[in-house]
């Protein structure tokens, strides 16, 4: 009986964790980087990860000594707790969390804290933090 109650509890937790309440917003976002004052430093095309489908490009711009990551023409399959990472690997082991994904589609801009060494931080990732699942990756190149 205890095993059945445990399994039922586990099913309820998993089902509520994946509810729309925890899903990423789907309304399109249209944030832009001022390309007249910013220099494109790195760029890469997104590829699918272990879950869902992702499309678009990741661009890193430098503007007045500050770096920004732009997700351009971006779309991804929805999931709970999706975050944007700047990472040394394709699986987030050594990474900088740039925050929650703003939307499953559109153009989005994320500030990059400090001045990471882009010879090491070569990947932009969309990752489900809650379940440790990679949704998409982009290798950044000059």
N, C-alpha and C. Protein backbone atom coordinates (compact mmCIF):
# COMPACT_ATOMS: atom_id res chain seq x y z
N UNK A 1 0.82 -1.19 0.00
CA UNK A 1 0.00 0.00 0.00
C UNK A 1 0.86 1.26 0.00
N UNK A 2 1.95 1.24 0.77
CA UNK A 2 2.84 2.40 0.82
C UNK A 2 3.48 2.65 -0.54
N UNK A 3 3.82 1.57 -1.24
CA UNK A 3 4.42 1.71 -2.57
C UNK A 3 3.44 2.34 -3.54
N UNK A 4 2.19 1.95 -3.46
CA UNK A 4 1.17 2.51 -4.35
C UNK A 4 0.98 4.00 -4.06
N UNK A 5 0.91 4.36 -2.80
CA UNK A 5 0.76 5.78 -2.43
C UNK A 5 1.98 6.59 -2.88
N UNK A 6 3.17 6.00 -2.74
CA UNK A 6 4.38 6.69 -3.19
C UNK A 6 4.34 6.91 -4.70
N UNK A 7 3.97 5.88 -5.45
CA UNK A 7 3.90 6.00 -6.91
C UNK A 7 2.85 7.02 -7.33
N UNK A 8 1.70 7.01 -6.69
CA UNK A 8 0.67 7.99 -7.00
C UNK A 8 1.15 9.41 -6.70
N UNK A 9 1.83 9.58 -5.59
CA UNK A 9 2.38 10.90 -5.23
C UNK A 9 3.40 11.35 -6.27
N UNK A 10 4.24 10.44 -6.71
CA UNK A 10 5.25 10.76 -7.72
C UNK A 10 4.60 11.18 -9.03
N UNK A 11 3.56 10.47 -9.44
CA UNK A 11 2.84 10.81 -10.67
C UNK A 11 2.23 12.20 -10.56
N UNK A 12 1.64 12.53 -9.43
CA UNK A 12 1.03 13.85 -9.22
C UNK A 12 2.09 14.94 -9.28
N UNK A 13 3.24 14.72 -8.66
CA UNK A 13 4.31 15.72 -8.67
C UNK A 13 4.81 15.96 -10.09
N UNK A 14 5.06 14.90 -10.83
CA UNK A 14 5.55 15.04 -12.21
C UNK A 14 4.50 15.71 -13.07
N UNK A 15 3.26 15.33 -12.94
CA UNK A 15 2.19 15.91 -13.76
C UNK A 15 2.02 17.39 -13.49
N UNK A 16 2.09 17.80 -12.23
CA UNK A 16 1.93 19.23 -11.92
C UNK A 16 3.18 20.02 -12.27
N UNK A 17 4.34 19.38 -12.26
CA UNK A 17 5.57 20.08 -12.62
C UNK A 17 5.58 20.47 -14.08
N UNK A 18 4.94 19.70 -14.92
CA UNK A 18 4.92 19.97 -16.35
C UNK A 18 3.67 20.73 -16.78
N UNK A 19 2.97 21.30 -15.83
CA UNK A 19 1.75 22.02 -16.16
C UNK A 19 2.07 23.32 -16.86
N UNK A 20 1.04 23.93 -17.44
CA UNK A 20 1.22 25.20 -18.14
C UNK A 20 1.75 26.28 -17.20
N UNK A 21 1.48 26.12 -15.92
CA UNK A 21 1.95 27.08 -14.94
C UNK A 21 3.48 27.19 -14.96
N UNK A 22 4.17 26.09 -15.19
CA UNK A 22 5.63 26.08 -15.20
C UNK A 22 6.22 26.21 -16.60
N UNK A 23 5.36 26.22 -17.61
CA UNK A 23 5.85 26.29 -18.99
C UNK A 23 6.38 27.70 -19.29
N UNK A 24 7.21 27.78 -20.30
CA UNK A 24 7.76 29.05 -20.76
C UNK A 24 6.68 29.82 -21.53
N UNK A 25 6.62 31.15 -21.38
CA UNK A 25 5.63 31.92 -22.15
C UNK A 25 5.80 31.69 -23.65
N UNK A 26 4.69 31.79 -24.38
CA UNK A 26 4.72 31.55 -25.82
C UNK A 26 4.48 32.81 -26.66
N UNK A 27 4.09 33.91 -26.02
CA UNK A 27 3.86 35.15 -26.76
C UNK A 27 5.17 35.60 -27.41
N UNK A 28 5.16 35.93 -28.71
CA UNK A 28 6.40 36.33 -29.38
C UNK A 28 7.04 37.57 -28.73
N UNK A 29 8.35 37.54 -28.66
CA UNK A 29 9.15 38.65 -28.14
C UNK A 29 9.90 39.24 -29.32
N UNK A 30 10.06 40.56 -29.34
CA UNK A 30 10.81 41.19 -30.43
C UNK A 30 11.79 42.23 -29.88
N UNK A 31 12.79 41.76 -29.15
CA UNK A 31 13.84 42.62 -28.63
C UNK A 31 14.95 42.70 -29.68
N UNK A 32 15.59 43.85 -29.76
CA UNK A 32 16.65 44.02 -30.75
C UNK A 32 17.92 44.58 -30.10
N UNK A 33 19.02 44.33 -30.76
CA UNK A 33 20.30 44.92 -30.40
C UNK A 33 20.54 46.06 -31.39
N UNK A 34 20.98 47.19 -30.89
CA UNK A 34 21.28 48.32 -31.77
C UNK A 34 22.57 48.01 -32.53
N UNK A 35 22.43 47.50 -33.74
CA UNK A 35 23.61 47.10 -34.52
C UNK A 35 24.42 48.29 -35.02
N UNK A 36 23.86 49.50 -34.93
CA UNK A 36 24.62 50.69 -35.33
C UNK A 36 25.71 51.00 -34.31
N UNK A 37 25.49 50.63 -33.04
CA UNK A 37 26.48 50.94 -32.00
C UNK A 37 27.12 49.68 -31.43
N UNK A 38 26.72 48.51 -31.89
CA UNK A 38 27.24 47.24 -31.37
C UNK A 38 28.01 46.50 -32.44
N UNK A 39 29.00 45.75 -32.00
CA UNK A 39 29.80 44.93 -32.91
C UNK A 39 29.49 43.47 -32.70
N UNK A 40 29.14 42.77 -33.81
CA UNK A 40 28.90 41.34 -33.74
C UNK A 40 30.24 40.64 -33.55
N UNK A 41 30.36 39.87 -32.48
CA UNK A 41 31.62 39.19 -32.17
C UNK A 41 31.57 37.69 -32.46
N UNK A 42 30.45 37.05 -32.13
CA UNK A 42 30.32 35.60 -32.29
C UNK A 42 28.90 35.28 -32.75
N UNK A 43 28.78 34.18 -33.47
CA UNK A 43 27.47 33.78 -33.97
C UNK A 43 27.45 32.27 -34.17
N UNK A 44 26.25 31.69 -34.07
CA UNK A 44 26.08 30.27 -34.31
C UNK A 44 24.63 29.93 -34.53
N UNK A 45 24.39 28.85 -35.26
CA UNK A 45 23.04 28.37 -35.55
C UNK A 45 22.65 27.33 -34.51
N UNK A 46 21.42 27.42 -34.03
CA UNK A 46 20.95 26.44 -33.05
C UNK A 46 20.72 25.08 -33.68
N UNK A 47 21.04 24.05 -32.90
CA UNK A 47 20.77 22.66 -33.26
C UNK A 47 19.95 22.05 -32.12
N UNK A 48 19.19 21.02 -32.46
CA UNK A 48 18.37 20.36 -31.45
C UNK A 48 19.24 19.72 -30.38
N UNK A 49 18.70 19.70 -29.18
CA UNK A 49 19.35 19.02 -28.07
C UNK A 49 18.75 17.64 -27.88
N UNK A 50 18.49 17.28 -26.64
CA UNK A 50 17.94 15.96 -26.32
C UNK A 50 16.41 15.96 -26.29
N UNK A 51 15.80 17.12 -26.36
CA UNK A 51 14.34 17.22 -26.25
C UNK A 51 13.84 18.29 -27.21
N UNK A 52 12.81 17.99 -27.96
CA UNK A 52 12.14 18.99 -28.78
C UNK A 52 12.93 19.46 -29.98
N UNK A 53 12.46 20.59 -30.52
CA UNK A 53 13.04 21.19 -31.72
C UNK A 53 13.37 22.65 -31.44
N UNK A 54 14.51 23.10 -31.94
CA UNK A 54 14.92 24.49 -31.77
C UNK A 54 15.41 25.03 -33.11
N UNK A 55 15.14 26.31 -33.38
CA UNK A 55 15.59 26.98 -34.60
C UNK A 55 16.03 28.39 -34.25
N UNK A 56 16.90 28.94 -35.09
CA UNK A 56 17.34 30.32 -34.91
C UNK A 56 18.84 30.43 -34.78
N UNK A 57 19.30 31.63 -34.49
CA UNK A 57 20.73 31.88 -34.30
C UNK A 57 20.99 32.54 -32.95
N UNK A 58 22.19 32.33 -32.47
CA UNK A 58 22.68 33.00 -31.26
C UNK A 58 23.79 33.94 -31.70
N UNK A 59 23.66 35.22 -31.35
CA UNK A 59 24.66 36.23 -31.70
C UNK A 59 25.14 36.92 -30.43
N UNK A 60 26.45 37.12 -30.33
CA UNK A 60 26.99 37.87 -29.21
C UNK A 60 27.52 39.19 -29.74
N UNK A 61 27.02 40.26 -29.14
CA UNK A 61 27.40 41.62 -29.52
C UNK A 61 28.16 42.27 -28.37
N UNK A 62 29.08 43.16 -28.74
CA UNK A 62 29.79 43.98 -27.77
C UNK A 62 29.36 45.42 -28.00
N UNK A 63 28.87 46.05 -26.94
CA UNK A 63 28.42 47.45 -27.02
C UNK A 63 28.92 48.18 -25.79
N UNK A 64 29.82 49.13 -26.00
CA UNK A 64 30.35 49.96 -24.92
C UNK A 64 30.92 49.10 -23.78
N UNK A 65 31.66 48.06 -24.13
CA UNK A 65 32.31 47.21 -23.13
C UNK A 65 31.42 46.17 -22.50
N UNK A 66 30.16 46.08 -22.92
CA UNK A 66 29.23 45.10 -22.36
C UNK A 66 28.79 44.12 -23.44
N UNK A 67 28.74 42.85 -23.06
CA UNK A 67 28.32 41.81 -23.99
C UNK A 67 26.84 41.50 -23.83
N UNK A 68 26.20 41.19 -24.97
CA UNK A 68 24.80 40.76 -24.97
C UNK A 68 24.66 39.57 -25.90
N UNK A 69 23.80 38.63 -25.50
CA UNK A 69 23.45 37.49 -26.34
C UNK A 69 22.08 37.76 -26.94
N UNK A 70 22.00 37.67 -28.26
CA UNK A 70 20.72 37.81 -28.94
C UNK A 70 20.32 36.46 -29.53
N UNK A 71 19.09 36.03 -29.24
CA UNK A 71 18.49 34.89 -29.92
C UNK A 71 17.65 35.48 -31.03
N UNK A 72 18.01 35.19 -32.27
CA UNK A 72 17.37 35.81 -33.43
C UNK A 72 16.58 34.77 -34.22
N UNK A 73 15.37 35.19 -34.65
CA UNK A 73 14.47 34.29 -35.39
C UNK A 73 14.37 32.95 -34.66
N UNK A 74 14.16 33.03 -33.37
CA UNK A 74 14.27 31.89 -32.47
C UNK A 74 12.92 31.23 -32.23
N UNK A 75 12.93 29.90 -32.17
CA UNK A 75 11.77 29.14 -31.70
C UNK A 75 12.25 27.83 -31.09
N UNK A 76 11.51 27.37 -30.09
CA UNK A 76 11.87 26.13 -29.40
C UNK A 76 10.58 25.47 -28.90
N UNK A 77 10.60 24.15 -28.83
CA UNK A 77 9.51 23.41 -28.22
C UNK A 77 9.40 23.84 -26.76
N UNK A 78 8.17 24.00 -26.28
CA UNK A 78 7.98 24.47 -24.91
C UNK A 78 8.35 23.40 -23.89
N UNK A 79 8.73 23.86 -22.73
CA UNK A 79 9.07 22.99 -21.62
C UNK A 79 9.11 23.78 -20.34
N UNK A 80 9.18 23.09 -19.21
CA UNK A 80 9.22 23.80 -17.93
C UNK A 80 10.61 24.33 -17.62
N UNK A 81 10.67 25.46 -16.99
CA UNK A 81 11.91 25.99 -16.40
C UNK A 81 13.06 26.09 -17.40
N UNK A 82 12.77 26.59 -18.61
CA UNK A 82 13.82 26.74 -19.63
C UNK A 82 14.67 27.97 -19.32
N UNK A 83 15.99 27.79 -19.36
CA UNK A 83 16.95 28.86 -19.11
C UNK A 83 17.90 28.99 -20.30
N UNK A 84 18.51 30.16 -20.40
CA UNK A 84 19.53 30.42 -21.41
C UNK A 84 20.88 30.42 -20.71
N UNK A 85 21.80 29.61 -21.22
CA UNK A 85 23.14 29.49 -20.64
C UNK A 85 24.19 29.87 -21.67
N UNK A 86 25.28 30.40 -21.18
CA UNK A 86 26.53 30.51 -21.91
C UNK A 86 27.42 29.46 -21.27
N UNK A 87 27.92 28.49 -22.07
CA UNK A 87 28.55 27.32 -21.49
C UNK A 87 29.88 26.97 -22.16
N UNK A 88 30.71 26.29 -21.39
CA UNK A 88 31.98 25.79 -21.93
C UNK A 88 31.78 24.48 -22.69
N UNK A 89 30.69 23.76 -22.37
CA UNK A 89 30.42 22.47 -22.99
C UNK A 89 29.00 22.46 -23.55
N UNK A 90 28.70 21.41 -24.34
CA UNK A 90 27.34 21.29 -24.88
C UNK A 90 26.35 20.80 -23.83
N UNK A 91 26.84 20.20 -22.78
CA UNK A 91 26.01 19.90 -21.61
C UNK A 91 26.45 20.86 -20.51
N UNK A 92 25.52 21.53 -19.86
CA UNK A 92 25.92 22.57 -18.90
C UNK A 92 26.58 22.01 -17.65
N UNK A 93 27.90 22.12 -17.64
CA UNK A 93 28.68 21.76 -16.46
C UNK A 93 29.33 23.04 -15.92
N UNK A 94 30.01 23.75 -16.79
CA UNK A 94 30.61 25.05 -16.47
C UNK A 94 29.88 26.09 -17.31
N UNK A 95 29.01 26.85 -16.68
CA UNK A 95 28.14 27.75 -17.45
C UNK A 95 27.81 29.01 -16.67
N UNK A 96 27.30 29.98 -17.40
CA UNK A 96 26.75 31.21 -16.83
C UNK A 96 25.26 31.21 -17.16
N UNK A 97 24.42 31.28 -16.14
CA UNK A 97 22.96 31.30 -16.34
C UNK A 97 22.56 32.73 -16.66
N UNK A 98 22.06 32.96 -17.88
CA UNK A 98 21.65 34.30 -18.30
C UNK A 98 20.20 34.59 -17.94
N UNK A 99 19.51 33.61 -17.39
CA UNK A 99 18.14 33.82 -16.94
C UNK A 99 17.16 32.90 -17.62
N UNK A 100 15.90 33.03 -17.20
CA UNK A 100 14.83 32.23 -17.80
C UNK A 100 14.61 32.66 -19.24
N UNK A 101 14.28 31.70 -20.08
CA UNK A 101 13.92 31.99 -21.46
C UNK A 101 12.66 32.86 -21.45
N UNK A 102 12.69 33.97 -22.17
CA UNK A 102 11.59 34.93 -22.14
C UNK A 102 10.37 34.44 -22.90
N UNK A 103 10.59 33.68 -23.95
CA UNK A 103 9.49 33.16 -24.77
C UNK A 103 10.00 32.00 -25.61
N UNK A 104 9.06 31.18 -26.07
CA UNK A 104 9.44 30.07 -26.94
C UNK A 104 9.70 30.53 -28.36
N UNK A 105 9.43 31.82 -28.65
CA UNK A 105 9.72 32.30 -30.01
C UNK A 105 9.90 33.80 -30.05
N UNK A 106 10.64 34.22 -31.08
CA UNK A 106 10.91 35.64 -31.28
C UNK A 106 12.36 35.99 -31.10
N UNK A 107 12.64 37.27 -31.12
CA UNK A 107 13.99 37.81 -30.93
C UNK A 107 14.13 38.23 -29.47
N UNK A 108 15.18 37.74 -28.82
CA UNK A 108 15.38 37.98 -27.40
C UNK A 108 16.81 38.41 -27.13
N UNK A 109 17.00 39.28 -26.14
CA UNK A 109 18.33 39.77 -25.79
C UNK A 109 18.57 39.53 -24.30
N UNK A 110 19.76 39.01 -23.99
CA UNK A 110 20.16 38.71 -22.61
C UNK A 110 21.51 39.37 -22.34
N UNK A 111 21.61 40.10 -21.24
CA UNK A 111 22.89 40.69 -20.83
C UNK A 111 23.81 39.59 -20.31
N UNK A 112 25.07 39.67 -20.69
CA UNK A 112 26.08 38.72 -20.22
C UNK A 112 26.90 39.42 -19.15
N UNK A 113 26.89 38.90 -17.91
CA UNK A 113 27.64 39.56 -16.85
C UNK A 113 29.15 39.42 -17.05
N UNK A 114 29.88 40.48 -16.73
CA UNK A 114 31.33 40.45 -16.79
C UNK A 114 31.86 40.32 -18.21
N UNK A 115 33.05 39.78 -18.32
CA UNK A 115 33.69 39.57 -19.62
C UNK A 115 34.20 38.13 -19.68
N UNK A 116 33.31 37.19 -20.00
CA UNK A 116 33.74 35.78 -20.07
C UNK A 116 34.76 35.57 -21.18
N UNK A 117 35.58 34.57 -21.00
CA UNK A 117 36.57 34.19 -22.01
C UNK A 117 35.86 33.35 -23.07
N UNK A 118 35.57 33.97 -24.22
CA UNK A 118 34.81 33.29 -25.26
C UNK A 118 35.62 32.22 -25.99
N UNK A 119 36.92 32.12 -25.70
CA UNK A 119 37.66 30.97 -26.22
C UNK A 119 37.31 29.72 -25.40
N UNK A 120 36.71 29.91 -24.22
CA UNK A 120 36.25 28.80 -23.39
C UNK A 120 34.73 28.66 -23.42
N UNK A 121 34.03 29.76 -23.31
CA UNK A 121 32.55 29.75 -23.33
C UNK A 121 32.09 29.81 -24.79
N UNK A 122 32.00 28.64 -25.42
CA UNK A 122 31.78 28.56 -26.86
C UNK A 122 30.35 28.18 -27.24
N UNK A 123 29.46 28.00 -26.26
CA UNK A 123 28.12 27.50 -26.57
C UNK A 123 27.04 28.34 -25.90
N UNK A 124 25.98 28.59 -26.66
CA UNK A 124 24.74 29.12 -26.10
C UNK A 124 23.79 27.94 -26.01
N UNK A 125 23.16 27.77 -24.84
CA UNK A 125 22.29 26.62 -24.62
C UNK A 125 20.91 27.07 -24.17
N UNK A 126 19.90 26.29 -24.53
CA UNK A 126 18.57 26.40 -23.94
C UNK A 126 18.37 25.10 -23.19
N UNK A 127 18.20 25.21 -21.88
CA UNK A 127 18.27 24.05 -21.01
C UNK A 127 17.13 24.08 -19.99
N UNK A 128 16.50 22.92 -19.78
CA UNK A 128 15.50 22.78 -18.73
C UNK A 128 16.24 22.54 -17.42
N UNK A 129 16.24 23.56 -16.58
CA UNK A 129 16.99 23.46 -15.33
C UNK A 129 16.36 22.45 -14.38
N UNK A 130 15.04 22.41 -14.34
CA UNK A 130 14.33 21.55 -13.41
C UNK A 130 14.62 20.07 -13.63
N UNK A 131 14.67 19.64 -14.90
CA UNK A 131 14.87 18.22 -15.21
C UNK A 131 16.22 17.92 -15.85
N UNK A 132 17.09 18.93 -15.93
CA UNK A 132 18.43 18.76 -16.48
C UNK A 132 18.38 18.15 -17.89
N UNK A 133 17.62 18.84 -18.78
CA UNK A 133 17.45 18.36 -20.15
C UNK A 133 17.82 19.48 -21.12
N UNK A 134 18.67 19.17 -22.09
CA UNK A 134 19.08 20.13 -23.11
C UNK A 134 18.04 20.20 -24.22
N UNK A 135 17.53 21.41 -24.50
CA UNK A 135 16.57 21.60 -25.59
C UNK A 135 17.26 22.06 -26.87
N UNK A 136 18.36 22.83 -26.75
CA UNK A 136 19.06 23.29 -27.93
C UNK A 136 20.42 23.85 -27.62
N UNK A 137 21.29 23.85 -28.65
CA UNK A 137 22.66 24.34 -28.47
C UNK A 137 23.10 25.07 -29.74
N UNK A 138 23.97 26.03 -29.56
CA UNK A 138 24.55 26.78 -30.66
C UNK A 138 26.03 26.97 -30.38
N UNK A 139 26.87 26.52 -31.30
CA UNK A 139 28.31 26.73 -31.14
C UNK A 139 28.65 28.11 -31.67
N UNK A 140 29.23 28.93 -30.81
CA UNK A 140 29.55 30.32 -31.15
C UNK A 140 30.92 30.41 -31.80
N UNK A 141 30.95 31.06 -32.98
CA UNK A 141 32.21 31.22 -33.72
C UNK A 141 32.34 32.65 -34.17
N UNK A 142 33.60 33.07 -34.37
CA UNK A 142 33.84 34.42 -34.86
C UNK A 142 33.54 34.54 -36.32
